[in-house]
């Protein structure tokens, strides 16, 4: 089973994935941890998760990158 960071990277768009991969490994893990938190705590994602779990993971991953890797 893929680890959290691998799953997080897979949920990102190609452009966001490159931004994350450019970060140090420790920062990448912090982002993956934030993604896991976003998935478990955001109630808006709960509804999306029921319809499409993959879409919920993708949305949460992109939010983390937008919020934590602002250019």
Protein backbone atom coordinates (compact mmCIF):
# COMPACT_ATOMS: atom_id res chain seq x y z
CA UNK A 1 0.00 0.00 0.00
CA UNK A 2 1.40 3.43 -0.93
CA UNK A 3 2.50 5.69 1.89
CA UNK A 4 0.81 9.00 2.68
CA UNK A 5 3.30 11.11 0.69
CA UNK A 6 2.96 8.89 -2.39
CA UNK A 7 -0.83 9.11 -2.21
CA UNK A 8 -0.66 12.89 -1.74
CA UNK A 9 1.60 13.35 -4.76
CA UNK A 10 -0.70 11.15 -6.86
CA UNK A 11 -3.71 13.32 -5.92
CA UNK A 12 -2.04 16.51 -7.18
CA UNK A 13 -2.16 18.04 -10.63
CA UNK A 14 1.13 17.77 -12.54
CA UNK A 15 1.97 21.45 -11.89
CA UNK A 16 1.27 21.19 -8.17
CA UNK A 17 3.15 17.90 -7.96
CA UNK A 18 6.25 19.58 -9.36
CA UNK A 19 5.96 22.41 -6.80
CA UNK A 20 5.80 19.87 -3.99
CA UNK A 21 8.65 17.76 -5.35
CA UNK A 22 10.81 20.91 -5.43
CA UNK A 23 10.45 21.14 -1.64
CA UNK A 24 12.76 19.39 0.82
CA UNK A 25 11.58 15.91 1.82
CA UNK A 26 10.60 17.09 5.32
CA UNK A 27 8.39 19.84 3.84
CA UNK A 28 6.82 17.34 1.44
CA UNK A 29 5.89 15.18 4.42
CA UNK A 30 4.43 18.18 6.25
CA UNK A 31 2.25 18.89 3.23
CA UNK A 32 1.13 15.26 3.08
CA UNK A 33 0.26 15.42 6.78
CA UNK A 34 -1.74 18.61 6.17
CA UNK A 35 -3.55 16.83 3.34
CA UNK A 36 -4.53 13.96 5.65
CA UNK A 37 -5.84 16.50 8.17
CA UNK A 38 -7.78 18.30 5.44
CA UNK A 39 -9.37 15.01 4.37
CA UNK A 40 -10.47 14.10 7.87
CA UNK A 41 -11.55 17.50 9.19
CA UNK A 42 -13.17 19.34 6.27
CA UNK A 43 -16.91 18.68 6.37
CA UNK A 44 -17.40 20.00 2.81
CA UNK A 45 -15.19 17.18 1.56
CA UNK A 46 -17.35 14.60 3.33
CA UNK A 47 -20.15 15.11 0.82
CA UNK A 48 -17.76 15.02 -2.12
CA UNK A 49 -16.11 11.93 -0.66
CA UNK A 50 -19.45 10.11 -0.74
CA UNK A 51 -19.87 10.93 -4.44
CA UNK A 52 -16.24 10.54 -5.51
CA UNK A 53 -13.48 9.70 -3.04
CA UNK A 54 -10.81 10.42 -5.64
CA UNK A 55 -12.23 13.89 -6.34
CA UNK A 56 -12.26 14.64 -2.61
CA UNK A 57 -8.61 13.61 -2.31
CA UNK A 58 -7.67 15.70 -5.34
CA UNK A 59 -9.52 18.77 -4.02
CA UNK A 60 -7.94 18.46 -0.58
CA UNK A 61 -4.46 18.08 -2.09
CA UNK A 62 -4.85 21.16 -4.26
CA UNK A 63 -6.13 23.18 -1.28
CA UNK A 64 -3.07 22.24 0.75
CA UNK A 65 -0.74 23.34 -2.04
CA UNK A 66 -2.68 26.60 -2.57
CA UNK A 67 -2.71 27.42 1.12
CA UNK A 68 0.76 26.28 2.15
CA UNK A 69 2.85 26.90 -0.98
CA UNK A 70 1.69 30.35 -1.96
CA UNK A 71 3.95 31.82 -4.60
